[in-house]
Amino acid sequence: MANPTTDQLRDDIDKGRTGEKVAMPDPATAPLGTDAEAGGSPPTPQERKLEKQSAPWSPGGEGRPAVSGGMIYLLLIVVVAIVAISTIFLAAD
């Protein structure tokens, strides 16, 4: 694995490839790596490589469970049933 740049790490995070957040650009005032570089100690190639390897998951890989469409429909049915039962009981009073 090649040593990634800070920009490549930030791009992976912003596109949701690491599982740290959803795929959405981060409008950070000080983007990833800026503080360290301004302080005179930018991340070393080894630190950037370690960060890349320590990502919590990768799409298609292990780590983050996939949610199937059936699970979503089941959850929706349960929520609708709870709301319907609650409405019936509240209307009965």
PDB file of N, CA and C in Angstrom:
ATOM      1  N   MET A   1       0.847  -1.181   0.000  1.00  0.00           N
ATOM      2  CA  MET A   1       0.000   0.000   0.000  1.00  0.00           C
ATOM      3  C   MET A   1       0.888   1.238   0.000  1.00  0.00           C
ATOM      4  N   ALA A   2       0.662   2.129  -0.943  1.00  0.00           N
ATOM      5  CA  ALA A   2       1.436   3.364  -1.024  1.00  0.00           C
ATOM      6  C   ALA A   2       1.025   4.296   0.103  1.00  0.00           C
ATOM      7  N   ASN A   3       1.927   5.198   0.445  1.00  0.00           N
ATOM      8  CA  ASN A   3       1.622   6.168   1.485  1.00  0.00           C
ATOM      9  C   ASN A   3       0.654   7.205   0.934  1.00  0.00           C
ATOM     10  N   PRO A   4      -0.549   7.311   1.506  1.00  0.00           N
ATOM     11  CA  PRO A   4      -1.527   8.273   1.003  1.00  0.00           C
ATOM     12  C   PRO A   4      -1.164   9.695   1.446  1.00  0.00           C
ATOM     13  N   THR A   5      -1.617  10.662   0.687  1.00  0.00           N
ATOM     14  CA  THR A   5      -1.445  12.053   1.100  1.00  0.00           C
ATOM     15  C   THR A   5      -2.588  12.424   2.035  1.00  0.00           C
ATOM     16  N   THR A   6      -2.432  13.551   2.715  1.00  0.00           N
ATOM     17  CA  THR A   6      -3.499  14.028   3.602  1.00  0.00           C
ATOM     18  C   THR A   6      -4.762  14.312   2.794  1.00  0.00           C
ATOM     19  N   ASP A   7      -4.591  14.849   1.584  1.00  0.00           N
ATOM     20  CA  ASP A   7      -5.755  15.115   0.726  1.00  0.00           C
ATOM     21  C   ASP A   7      -6.484  13.826   0.353  1.00  0.00           C
ATOM     22  N   GLN A   8      -5.744  12.751   0.091  1.00  0.00           N
ATOM     23  CA  GLN A   8      -6.367  11.469  -0.240  1.00  0.00           C
ATOM     24  C   GLN A   8      -7.136  10.921   0.959  1.00  0.00           C
ATOM     25  N   LEU A   9      -6.569  11.049   2.156  1.00  0.00           N
ATOM     26  CA  LEU A   9      -7.272  10.597   3.359  1.00  0.00           C
ATOM     27  C   LEU A   9      -8.560  11.379   3.551  1.00  0.00           C
ATOM     28  N   ARG A  10      -8.477  12.709   3.410  1.00  0.00           N
ATOM     29  CA  ARG A  10      -9.669  13.549   3.587  1.00  0.00           C
ATOM     30  C   ARG A  10     -10.723  13.194   2.536  1.00  0.00           C
ATOM     31  N   ASP A  11     -10.301  12.950   1.306  1.00  0.00           N
ATOM     32  CA  ASP A  11     -11.226  12.580   0.238  1.00  0.00           C
ATOM     33  C   ASP A  11     -11.932  11.254   0.560  1.00  0.00           C
ATOM     34  N   ASP A  12     -11.188  10.273   1.055  1.00  0.00           N
ATOM     35  CA  ASP A  12     -11.785   8.987   1.443  1.00  0.00           C
ATOM     36  C   ASP A  12     -12.830   9.179   2.541  1.00  0.00           C
ATOM     37  N   ILE A  13     -12.514  10.013   3.514  1.00  0.00           N
ATOM     38  CA  ILE A  13     -13.458  10.269   4.616  1.00  0.00           C
ATOM     39  C   ILE A  13     -14.691  10.985   4.087  1.00  0.00           C
ATOM     40  N   ASP A  14     -14.482  12.050   3.279  1.00  0.00           N
ATOM     41  CA  ASP A  14     -15.603  12.834   2.756  1.00  0.00           C
ATOM     42  C   ASP A  14     -16.521  12.020   1.854  1.00  0.00           C
ATOM     43  N   LYS A  15     -15.988  11.027   1.157  1.00  0.00           N
ATOM     44  CA  LYS A  15     -16.803  10.205   0.260  1.00  0.00           C
ATOM     45  C   LYS A  15     -17.388   8.985   0.951  1.00  0.00           C
ATOM     46  N   GLY A  16     -17.195   8.871   2.275  1.00  0.00           N
ATOM     47  CA  GLY A  16     -17.799   7.782   3.034  1.00  0.00           C
ATOM     48  C   GLY A  16     -17.098   6.451   2.868  1.00  0.00           C
ATOM     49  N   ARG A  17     -15.893   6.438   2.334  1.00  0.00           N
ATOM     50  CA  ARG A  17     -15.189   5.173   2.099  1.00  0.00           C
ATOM     51  C   ARG A  17     -14.637   4.548   3.366  1.00  0.00           C
ATOM     52  N   THR A  18     -14.542   5.323   4.436  1.00  0.00           N
ATOM     53  CA  THR A  18     -13.951   4.789   5.669  1.00  0.00           C
ATOM     54  C   THR A  18     -14.987   4.410   6.707  1.00  0.00           C
ATOM     55  N   GLY A  19     -16.239   4.773   6.499  1.00  0.00           N
ATOM     56  CA  GLY A  19     -17.282   4.462   7.464  1.00  0.00           C
ATOM     57  C   GLY A  19     -17.337   5.448   8.610  1.00  0.00           C
ATOM     58  N   GLU A  20     -16.538   6.498   8.567  1.00  0.00           N
ATOM     59  CA  GLU A  20     -16.519   7.477   9.641  1.00  0.00           C
ATOM     60  C   GLU A  20     -17.651   8.483   9.529  1.00  0.00           C
ATOM     61  N   LYS A  21     -18.200   8.634   8.340  1.00  0.00           N
ATOM     62  CA  LYS A  21     -19.307   9.562   8.121  1.00  0.00           C
ATOM     63  C   LYS A  21     -19.972   9.228   6.800  1.00  0.00           C
ATOM     64  N   VAL A  22     -21.088   9.872   6.533  1.00  0.00           N
ATOM     65  CA  VAL A  22     -21.772   9.664   5.258  1.00  0.00           C
ATOM     66  C   VAL A  22     -21.013  10.397   4.157  1.00  0.00           C
ATOM     67  N   ALA A  23     -21.291  10.042   2.925  1.00  0.00           N
ATOM     68  CA  ALA A  23     -20.613  10.672   1.795  1.00  0.00           C
ATOM     69  C   ALA A  23     -21.108  12.100   1.615  1.00  0.00           C
ATOM     70  N   MET A  24     -20.384  13.033   2.171  1.00  0.00           N
ATOM     71  CA  MET A  24     -20.748  14.450   2.104  1.00  0.00           C
ATOM     72  C   MET A  24     -19.495  15.263   2.373  1.00  0.00           C
ATOM     73  N   PRO A  25     -19.205  16.264   1.552  1.00  0.00           N
ATOM     74  CA  PRO A  25     -18.016  17.086   1.822  1.00  0.00           C
ATOM     75  C   PRO A  25     -18.123  17.759   3.187  1.00  0.00           C
ATOM     76  N   ASP A  26     -17.010  17.855   3.855  1.00  0.00           N
ATOM     77  CA  ASP A  26     -16.977  18.458   5.185  1.00  0.00           C
ATOM     78  C   ASP A  26     -16.510  19.904   5.062  1.00  0.00           C
ATOM     79  N   PRO A  27     -17.380  20.853   5.349  1.00  0.00           N
ATOM     80  CA  PRO A  27     -16.988  22.258   5.223  1.00  0.00           C
ATOM     81  C   PRO A  27     -16.163  22.722   6.425  1.00  0.00           C
ATOM     82  N   ALA A  28     -15.086  22.028   6.677  1.00  0.00           N
ATOM     83  CA  ALA A  28     -14.263  22.341   7.840  1.00  0.00           C
ATOM     84  C   ALA A  28     -13.535  23.667   7.647  1.00  0.00           C
ATOM     85  N   THR A  29     -13.426  24.412   8.743  1.00  0.00           N
ATOM     86  CA  THR A  29     -12.662  25.654   8.707  1.00  0.00           C
ATOM     87  C   THR A  29     -11.190  25.337   8.492  1.00  0.00           C
ATOM     88  N   ALA A  30     -10.716  24.314   9.174  1.00  0.00           N
ATOM     89  CA  ALA A  30      -9.325  23.860   9.021  1.00  0.00           C
ATOM     90  C   ALA A  30      -9.368  22.394   8.592  1.00  0.00           C
ATOM     91  N   PRO A  31      -9.252  22.117   7.300  1.00  0.00           N
ATOM     92  CA  PRO A  31      -9.325  20.733   6.815  1.00  0.00           C
ATOM     93  C   PRO A  31      -8.264  19.834   7.443  1.00  0.00           C
ATOM     94  N   LEU A  32      -8.521  18.535   7.349  1.00  0.00           N
ATOM     95  CA  LEU A  32      -7.631  17.523   7.891  1.00  0.00           C
ATOM     96  C   LEU A  32      -6.188  17.799   7.503  1.00  0.00           C
ATOM     97  N   GLY A  33      -5.298  17.841   8.485  1.00  0.00           N
ATOM     98  CA  GLY A  33      -3.883  18.041   8.250  1.00  0.00           C
ATOM     99  C   GLY A  33      -3.432  19.479   8.340  1.00  0.00           C
ATOM    100  N   THR A  34      -4.361  20.431   8.244  1.00  0.00           N
ATOM    101  CA  THR A  34      -3.985  21.840   8.241  1.00  0.00           C
ATOM    102  C   THR A  34      -3.358  22.266   9.558  1.00  0.00           C
ATOM    103  N   ASP A  35      -3.965  21.873  10.674  1.00  0.00           N
ATOM    104  CA  ASP A  35      -3.436  22.270  11.979  1.00  0.00           C
ATOM    105  C   ASP A  35      -2.020  21.750  12.198  1.00  0.00           C
ATOM    106  N   ALA A  36      -1.808  20.488  11.865  1.00  0.00           N
ATOM    107  CA  ALA A  36      -0.485  19.894  12.057  1.00  0.00           C
ATOM    108  C   ALA A  36       0.557  20.572  11.164  1.00  0.00           C
ATOM    109  N   GLU A  37       0.188  20.855   9.934  1.00  0.00           N
ATOM    110  CA  GLU A  37       1.123  21.498   9.019  1.00  0.00           C
ATOM    111  C   GLU A  37       1.435  22.919   9.478  1.00  0.00           C
ATOM    112  N   ALA A  38       0.414  23.654   9.934  1.00  0.00           N
ATOM    113  CA  ALA A  38       0.627  25.020  10.404  1.00  0.00           C
ATOM    114  C   ALA A  38       1.474  25.037  11.677  1.00  0.00           C
ATOM    115  N   GLY A  39       1.374  23.981  12.463  1.00  0.00           N
ATOM    116  CA  GLY A  39       2.161  23.897  13.695  1.00  0.00           C
ATOM    117  C   GLY A  39       3.584  23.454  13.458  1.00  0.00           C
ATOM    118  N   GLY A  40       3.926  23.176  12.205  1.00  0.00           N
ATOM    119  CA  GLY A  40       5.294  22.815  11.885  1.00  0.00           C
ATOM    120  C   GLY A  40       5.602  21.332  11.978  1.00  0.00           C
ATOM    121  N   SER A  41       4.570  20.505  12.207  1.00  0.00           N
ATOM    122  CA  SER A  41       4.826  19.055  12.290  1.00  0.00           C
ATOM    123  C   SER A  41       3.771  18.295  11.492  1.00  0.00           C
ATOM    124  N   PRO A  42       3.851  18.360  10.156  1.00  0.00           N
ATOM    125  CA  PRO A  42       2.878  17.636   9.347  1.00  0.00           C
ATOM    126  C   PRO A  42       2.995  16.131   9.569  1.00  0.00           C
ATOM    127  N   PRO A  43       1.918  15.393   9.322  1.00  0.00           N
ATOM    128  CA  PRO A  43       1.976  13.943   9.528  1.00  0.00           C
ATOM    129  C   PRO A  43       3.027  13.308   8.625  1.00  0.00           C
ATOM    130  N   THR A  44       3.744  12.365   9.183  1.00  0.00           N
ATOM    131  CA  THR A  44       4.777  11.668   8.415  1.00  0.00           C
ATOM    132  C   THR A  44       4.110  10.669   7.469  1.00  0.00           C
ATOM    133  N   PRO A  45       4.825  10.200   6.459  1.00  0.00           N
ATOM    134  CA  PRO A  45       4.251   9.184   5.576  1.00  0.00           C
ATOM    135  C   PRO A  45       3.800   7.941   6.343  1.00  0.00           C
ATOM    136  N   GLN A  46       4.529   7.568   7.386  1.00  0.00           N
ATOM    137  CA  GLN A  46       4.150   6.395   8.181  1.00  0.00           C
ATOM    138  C   GLN A  46       2.844   6.653   8.938  1.00  0.00           C
ATOM    139  N   GLU A  47       2.658   7.872   9.455  1.00  0.00           N
ATOM    140  CA  GLU A  47       1.416   8.195  10.165  1.00  0.00           C
ATOM    141  C   GLU A  47       0.223   8.187   9.213  1.00  0.00           C
ATOM    142  N   ARG A  48       0.412   8.708   8.013  1.00  0.00           N
ATOM    143  CA  ARG A  48      -0.679   8.707   7.030  1.00  0.00           C
ATOM    144  C   ARG A  48      -1.017   7.283   6.602  1.00  0.00           C
ATOM    145  N   LYS A  49      -0.005   6.447   6.438  1.00  0.00           N
ATOM    146  CA  LYS A  49      -0.238   5.048   6.067  1.00  0.00           C
ATOM    147  C   LYS A  49      -0.991   4.324   7.175  1.00  0.00           C
ATOM    148  N   LEU A  50      -0.618   4.587   8.434  1.00  0.00           N
ATOM    149  CA  LEU A  50      -1.303   3.979   9.578  1.00  0.00           C
ATOM    150  C   LEU A  50      -2.765   4.415   9.626  1.00  0.00           C
ATOM    151  N   GLU A  51      -3.015   5.689   9.351  1.00  0.00           N
ATOM    152  CA  GLU A  51      -4.399   6.191   9.331  1.00  0.00           C
ATOM    153  C   GLU A  51      -5.206   5.481   8.255  1.00  0.00           C
ATOM    154  N   LYS A  52      -4.622   5.302   7.088  1.00  0.00           N
ATOM    155  CA  LYS A  52      -5.318   4.624   5.988  1.00  0.00           C
ATOM    156  C   LYS A  52      -5.646   3.179   6.363  1.00  0.00           C
ATOM    157  N   GLN A  53      -4.707   2.505   7.030  1.00  0.00           N
ATOM    158  CA  GLN A  53      -4.912   1.103   7.407  1.00  0.00           C
ATOM    159  C   GLN A  53      -5.890   0.949   8.565  1.00  0.00           C
ATOM    160  N   SER A  54      -6.051   1.986   9.368  1.00  0.00           N
ATOM    161  CA  SER A  54      -6.890   1.864  10.555  1.00  0.00           C
ATOM    162  C   SER A  54      -8.326   2.320  10.327  1.00  0.00           C
ATOM    163  N   ALA A  55      -8.716   2.538   9.077  1.00  0.00           N
ATOM    164  CA  ALA A  55     -10.096   2.915   8.782  1.00  0.00           C
ATOM    165  C   ALA A  55     -11.027   1.826   9.305  1.00  0.00           C
ATOM    166  N   PRO A  56     -12.161   2.218   9.917  1.00  0.00           N
ATOM    167  CA  PRO A  56     -13.047   1.238  10.535  1.00  0.00           C
ATOM    168  C   PRO A  56     -13.608   0.189   9.580  1.00  0.00           C
ATOM    169  N   TRP A  57     -13.803   0.510   8.330  1.00  0.00           N
ATOM    170  CA  TRP A  57     -14.346  -0.451   7.369  1.00  0.00           C
ATOM    171  C   TRP A  57     -14.141   0.099   5.973  1.00  0.00           C
ATOM    172  N   SER A  58     -14.389  -0.716   5.026  1.00  0.00           N
ATOM    173  CA  SER A  58     -14.366  -0.267   3.641  1.00  0.00           C
ATOM    174  C   SER A  58     -15.556  -0.900   2.927  1.00  0.00           C
ATOM    175  N   PRO A  59     -16.169  -0.176   1.996  1.00  0.00           N
ATOM    176  CA  PRO A  59     -17.320  -0.739   1.293  1.00  0.00           C
ATOM    177  C   PRO A  59     -16.966  -2.080   0.660  1.00  0.00           C
ATOM    178  N   GLY A  60     -17.832  -3.038   0.843  1.00  0.00           N
ATOM    179  CA  GLY A  60     -17.597  -4.359   0.287  1.00  0.00           C
ATOM    180  C   GLY A  60     -16.709  -5.217   1.169  1.00  0.00           C
ATOM    181  N   GLY A  61     -16.152  -4.621   2.191  1.00  0.00           N
ATOM    182  CA  GLY A  61     -15.280  -5.369   3.086  1.00  0.00           C
ATOM    183  C   GLY A  61     -16.004  -5.741   4.355  1.00  0.00           C
ATOM    184  N   GLU A  62     -15.267  -6.213   5.307  1.00  0.00           N
ATOM    185  CA  GLU A  62     -15.869  -6.600   6.578  1.00  0.00           C
ATOM    186  C   GLU A  62     -15.871  -5.406   7.520  1.00  0.00           C
ATOM    187  N   GLY A  63     -16.678  -5.486   8.544  1.00  0.00           N
ATOM    188  CA  GLY A  63     -16.681  -4.446   9.563  1.00  0.00           C
ATOM    189  C   GLY A  63     -18.028  -3.779   9.725  1.00  0.00           C
ATOM    190  N   ARG A  64     -18.615  -3.334   8.637  1.00  0.00           N
ATOM    191  CA  ARG A  64     -19.906  -2.652   8.725  1.00  0.00           C
ATOM    192  C   ARG A  64     -20.973  -3.578   8.167  1.00  0.00           C
ATOM    193  N   PRO A  65     -21.974  -3.901   8.974  1.00  0.00           N
ATOM    194  CA  PRO A  65     -23.006  -4.818   8.493  1.00  0.00           C
ATOM    195  C   PRO A  65     -23.874  -4.161   7.421  1.00  0.00           C
ATOM    196  N   ALA A  66     -24.253  -4.936   6.465  1.00  0.00           N
ATOM    197  CA  ALA A  66     -25.139  -4.443   5.416  1.00  0.00           C
ATOM    198  C   ALA A  66     -26.580  -4.513   5.911  1.00  0.00           C
ATOM    199  N   VAL A  67     -27.373  -3.526   5.558  1.00  0.00           N
ATOM    200  CA  VAL A  67     -28.786  -3.504   5.924  1.00  0.00           C
ATOM    201  C   VAL A  67     -29.562  -3.886   4.673  1.00  0.00           C
ATOM    202  N   SER A  68     -30.306  -4.960   4.783  1.00  0.00           N
ATOM    203  CA  SER A  68     -31.059  -5.413   3.617  1.00  0.00           C
ATOM    204  C   SER A  68     -32.372  -4.653   3.517  1.00  0.00           C
ATOM    205  N   GLY A  69     -32.928  -4.667   2.319  1.00  0.00           N
ATOM    206  CA  GLY A  69     -34.208  -4.000   2.105  1.00  0.00           C
ATOM    207  C   GLY A  69     -35.311  -4.615   2.940  1.00  0.00           C
ATOM    208  N   GLY A  70     -35.240  -5.936   3.160  1.00  0.00           N
ATOM    209  CA  GLY A  70     -36.246  -6.608   3.973  1.00  0.00           C
ATOM    210  C   GLY A  70     -36.254  -6.116   5.415  1.00  0.00           C
ATOM    211  N   MET A  71     -35.077  -5.848   5.942  1.00  0.00           N
ATOM    212  CA  MET A  71     -34.991  -5.345   7.316  1.00  0.00           C
ATOM    213  C   MET A  71     -35.617  -3.964   7.436  1.00  0.00           C
ATOM    214  N   ILE A  72     -35.431  -3.143   6.412  1.00  0.00           N
ATOM    215  CA  ILE A  72     -36.000  -1.796   6.438  1.00  0.00           C
ATOM    216  C   ILE A  72     -37.527  -1.862   6.388  1.00  0.00           C
ATOM    217  N   TYR A  73     -38.065  -2.728   5.529  1.00  0.00           N
ATOM    218  CA  TYR A  73     -39.522  -2.873   5.443  1.00  0.00           C
ATOM    219  C   TYR A  73     -40.098  -3.430   6.747  1.00  0.00           C
ATOM    220  N   LEU A  74     -39.410  -4.364   7.354  1.00  0.00           N
ATOM    221  CA  LEU A  74     -39.872  -4.918   8.623  1.00  0.00           C
ATOM    222  C   LEU A  74     -39.911  -3.831   9.696  1.00  0.00           C
ATOM    223  N   LEU A  75     -38.876  -3.024   9.759  1.00  0.00           N
ATOM    224  CA  LEU A  75     -38.844  -1.932  10.727  1.00  0.00           C
ATOM    225  C   LEU A  75     -39.985  -0.953  10.463  1.00  0.00           C
ATOM    226  N   LEU A  76     -40.230  -0.639   9.210  1.00  0.00           N
ATOM    227  CA  LEU A  76     -41.317   0.275   8.856  1.00  0.00           C
ATOM    228  C   LEU A  76     -42.669  -0.287   9.280  1.00  0.00           C
ATOM    229  N   ILE A  77     -42.888  -1.568   9.061  1.00  0.00           N
ATOM    230  CA  ILE A  77     -44.146  -2.212   9.457  1.00  0.00           C
ATOM    231  C   ILE A  77     -44.319  -2.163  10.969  1.00  0.00           C
ATOM    232  N   VAL A  78     -43.263  -2.420  11.710  1.00  0.00           N
ATOM    233  CA  VAL A  78     -43.331  -2.389  13.176  1.00  0.00           C
ATOM    234  C   VAL A  78     -43.672  -0.984  13.655  1.00  0.00           C
ATOM    235  N   VAL A  79     -43.033   0.025  13.088  1.00  0.00           N
ATOM    236  CA  VAL A  79     -43.304   1.412  13.504  1.00  0.00           C
ATOM    237  C   VAL A  79     -44.752   1.788  13.188  1.00  0.00           C
ATOM    238  N   VAL A  80     -45.238   1.450  11.999  1.00  0.00           N
ATOM    239  CA  VAL A  80     -46.625   1.754  11.628  1.00  0.00           C
ATOM    240  C   VAL A  80     -47.591   1.027  12.561  1.00  0.00           C
ATOM    241  N   ALA A  81     -47.303  -0.215  12.903  1.00  0.00           N
ATOM    242  CA  ALA A  81     -48.168  -0.975  13.813  1.00  0.00           C
ATOM    243  C   ALA A  81     -48.210  -0.324  15.187  1.00  0.00           C
ATOM    244  N   ILE A  82     -47.062   0.114  15.684  1.00  0.00           N
ATOM    245  CA  ILE A  82     -47.026   0.765  17.005  1.00  0.00           C
ATOM    246  C   ILE A  82     -47.843   2.054  16.983  1.00  0.00           C
ATOM    247  N   VAL A  83     -47.687   2.842  15.932  1.00  0.00           N
ATOM    248  CA  VAL A  83     -48.450   4.094  15.832  1.00  0.00           C
ATOM    249  C   VAL A  83     -49.938   3.795  15.730  1.00  0.00           C
ATOM    250  N   ALA A  84     -50.322   2.793  14.942  1.00  0.00           N
ATOM    251  CA  ALA A  84     -51.736   2.455  14.782  1.00  0.00           C
ATOM    252  C   ALA A  84     -52.335   1.978  16.105  1.00  0.00           C
ATOM    253  N   ILE A  85     -51.638   1.104  16.808  1.00  0.00           N
ATOM    254  CA  ILE A  85     -52.146   0.595  18.095  1.00  0.00           C
ATOM    255  C   ILE A  85     -52.255   1.717  19.106  1.00  0.00           C
ATOM    256  N   SER A  86     -51.249   2.604  19.129  1.00  0.00           N
ATOM    257  CA  SER A  86     -51.305   3.736  20.066  1.00  0.00           C
ATOM    258  C   SER A  86     -52.471   4.652  19.756  1.00  0.00           C
ATOM    259  N   THR A  87     -52.746   4.871  18.487  1.00  0.00           N
ATOM    260  CA  THR A  87     -53.859   5.734  18.088  1.00  0.00           C
ATOM    261  C   THR A  87     -55.193   5.115  18.492  1.00  0.00           C
ATOM    262  N   ILE A  88     -55.309   3.807  18.325  1.00  0.00           N
ATOM    263  CA  ILE A  88     -56.551   3.113  18.705  1.00  0.00           C
ATOM    264  C   ILE A  88     -56.776   3.220  20.207  1.00  0.00           C
ATOM    265  N   PHE A  89     -55.736   2.988  20.985  1.00  0.00           N
ATOM    266  CA  PHE A  89     -55.880   3.057  22.443  1.00  0.00           C
ATOM    267  C   PHE A  89     -56.173   4.473  22.918  1.00  0.00           C
ATOM    268  N   LEU A  90     -55.555   5.447  22.312  1.00  0.00           N
ATOM    269  CA  LEU A  90     -55.793   6.833  22.707  1.00  0.00           C
ATOM    270  C   LEU A  90     -57.203   7.285  22.304  1.00  0.00           C
ATOM    271  N   ALA A  91     -57.699   6.819  21.159  1.00  0.00           N
ATOM    272  CA  ALA A  91     -59.048   7.168  20.711  1.00  0.00           C
ATOM    273  C   ALA A  91     -60.111   6.487  21.569  1.00  0.00           C
ATOM    274  N   ALA A  92     -59.773   5.344  22.156  1.00  0.00           N
ATOM    275  CA  ALA A  92     -60.732   4.606  22.975  1.00  0.00           C
ATOM    276  C   ALA A  92     -60.990   5.301  24.314  1.00  0.00           C
ATOM    277  N   ASP A  93     -60.029   6.120  24.732  1.00  0.00           N
ATOM    278  CA  ASP A  93     -60.207   6.807  26.042  1.00  0.00           C
ATOM    279  C   ASP A  93     -61.150   7.905  25.879  1.00  0.00           C
TER     280      ASP A  93
END
